[in-house]
Amino acid sequence: MGYSVLDVLKGFEKALGKPIKSNITPRRFGDVPKLLANIDKASEHLGWKVTKSLDDMCKDSVTFITKRF
């Protein structure tokens, strides 16, 4: 399963509790249509497993930044 830029934007809006101003525009020249990461190697070689949701990651990022600045 993957996440779109719009999914991430909505995750940060949820974490912040307010909308983020954004513009949806056509893809720029050179932008890749899709980019995916596969965690199988990390799981196999490092024993790493996904434990957080996108909402968790956005919330943790907002908490880290707001406590830092």
C-alpha atoms as a PDB file:
ATOM      1  CA  MET A   1       0.000   0.000   0.000  1.00  0.00           C
ATOM      2  CA  GLY A   2       1.246   3.458  -0.765  1.00  0.00           C
ATOM      3  CA  TYR A   3       0.286   7.027   0.010  1.00  0.00           C
ATOM      4  CA  SER A   4      -0.249   9.909  -2.361  1.00  0.00           C
ATOM      5  CA  VAL A   5       0.905  13.462  -1.765  1.00  0.00           C
ATOM      6  CA  LEU A   6      -2.743  14.287  -1.054  1.00  0.00           C
ATOM      7  CA  ASP A   7      -2.883  11.521   1.599  1.00  0.00           C
ATOM      8  CA  VAL A   8       0.169  13.012   3.316  1.00  0.00           C
ATOM      9  CA  LEU A   9      -1.297  16.521   3.110  1.00  0.00           C
ATOM     10  CA  LYS A  10      -4.523  15.306   4.747  1.00  0.00           C
ATOM     11  CA  GLY A  11      -2.492  13.504   7.425  1.00  0.00           C
ATOM     12  CA  PHE A  12      -0.683  16.726   8.317  1.00  0.00           C
ATOM     13  CA  GLU A  13      -3.933  18.695   8.296  1.00  0.00           C
ATOM     14  CA  LYS A  14      -5.364  16.165  10.758  1.00  0.00           C
ATOM     15  CA  ALA A  15      -2.242  16.358  12.954  1.00  0.00           C
ATOM     16  CA  LEU A  16      -2.338  20.172  12.949  1.00  0.00           C
ATOM     17  CA  GLY A  17      -6.085  20.380  13.379  1.00  0.00           C
ATOM     18  CA  LYS A  18      -6.414  22.910  10.584  1.00  0.00           C
ATOM     19  CA  PRO A  19      -6.272  23.096   6.788  1.00  0.00           C
ATOM     20  CA  ILE A  20      -3.015  23.635   4.937  1.00  0.00           C
ATOM     21  CA  LYS A  21      -3.187  26.001   1.987  1.00  0.00           C
ATOM     22  CA  SER A  22      -2.299  24.084  -1.160  1.00  0.00           C
ATOM     23  CA  ASN A  23      -2.779  24.134  -4.914  1.00  0.00           C
ATOM     24  CA  ILE A  24      -3.362  21.061  -7.046  1.00  0.00           C
ATOM     25  CA  THR A  25      -1.582  21.574 -10.342  1.00  0.00           C
ATOM     26  CA  PRO A  26      -0.594  19.364 -13.269  1.00  0.00           C
ATOM     27  CA  ARG A  27       2.544  17.279 -12.933  1.00  0.00           C
ATOM     28  CA  ARG A  28       5.702  19.197 -13.750  1.00  0.00           C
ATOM     29  CA  PHE A  29       8.082  18.152 -16.493  1.00  0.00           C
ATOM     30  CA  GLY A  30      10.414  15.525 -15.082  1.00  0.00           C
ATOM     31  CA  ASP A  31       8.163  14.483 -12.181  1.00  0.00           C
ATOM     32  CA  VAL A  32       7.859  10.726 -11.905  1.00  0.00           C
ATOM     33  CA  PRO A  33       4.286   9.435 -12.120  1.00  0.00           C
ATOM     34  CA  LYS A  34       4.745   6.981  -9.249  1.00  0.00           C
ATOM     35  CA  LEU A  35       7.434   6.246  -6.685  1.00  0.00           C
ATOM     36  CA  LEU A  36       7.239   3.287  -4.333  1.00  0.00           C
ATOM     37  CA  ALA A  37       9.452   1.834  -1.634  1.00  0.00           C
ATOM     38  CA  ASN A  38       9.512  -1.816  -0.651  1.00  0.00           C
ATOM     39  CA  ILE A  39      10.303  -2.619   2.987  1.00  0.00           C
ATOM     40  CA  ASP A  40      10.918  -6.334   2.413  1.00  0.00           C
ATOM     41  CA  LYS A  41      14.718  -5.978   2.613  1.00  0.00           C
ATOM     42  CA  ALA A  42      14.532  -3.945   5.825  1.00  0.00           C
ATOM     43  CA  SER A  43      12.261  -6.590   7.317  1.00  0.00           C
ATOM     44  CA  GLU A  44      14.437  -9.465   6.115  1.00  0.00           C
ATOM     45  CA  HIS A  45      17.884  -8.058   6.981  1.00  0.00           C
ATOM     46  CA  LEU A  46      17.169  -5.801   9.950  1.00  0.00           C
ATOM     47  CA  GLY A  47      14.056  -7.334  11.444  1.00  0.00           C
ATOM     48  CA  TRP A  48      12.340  -3.952  11.029  1.00  0.00           C
ATOM     49  CA  LYS A  49       8.544  -3.864  10.942  1.00  0.00           C
ATOM     50  CA  VAL A  50       6.085  -1.079  10.275  1.00  0.00           C
ATOM     51  CA  THR A  51       4.451  -0.077  13.554  1.00  0.00           C
ATOM     52  CA  LYS A  52       3.038   3.383  12.830  1.00  0.00           C
ATOM     53  CA  SER A  53       0.273   4.625  10.576  1.00  0.00           C
ATOM     54  CA  LEU A  54       0.507   7.662   8.319  1.00  0.00           C
ATOM     55  CA  ASP A  55      -1.509   9.629  10.894  1.00  0.00           C
ATOM     56  CA  ASP A  56       0.953   8.577  13.631  1.00  0.00           C
ATOM     57  CA  MET A  57       3.924   9.683  11.526  1.00  0.00           C
ATOM     58  CA  CYS A  58       2.363  13.068  10.725  1.00  0.00           C
ATOM     59  CA  LYS A  59       1.474  13.644  14.393  1.00  0.00           C
ATOM     60  CA  ASP A  60       4.999  12.702  15.516  1.00  0.00           C
ATOM     61  CA  SER A  61       6.518  15.046  12.907  1.00  0.00           C
ATOM     62  CA  VAL A  62       4.346  17.964  14.019  1.00  0.00           C
ATOM     63  CA  THR A  63       5.160  17.274  17.681  1.00  0.00           C
ATOM     64  CA  PHE A  64       8.907  17.117  16.942  1.00  0.00           C
ATOM     65  CA  ILE A  65       8.924  20.366  14.951  1.00  0.00           C
ATOM     66  CA  THR A  66       6.702  22.335  17.333  1.00  0.00           C
ATOM     67  CA  LYS A  67       8.726  21.309  20.391  1.00  0.00           C
ATOM     68  CA  ARG A  68      11.956  22.139  18.643  1.00  0.00           C
ATOM     69  CA  PHE A  69      11.137  25.622  17.390  1.00  0.00           C
END
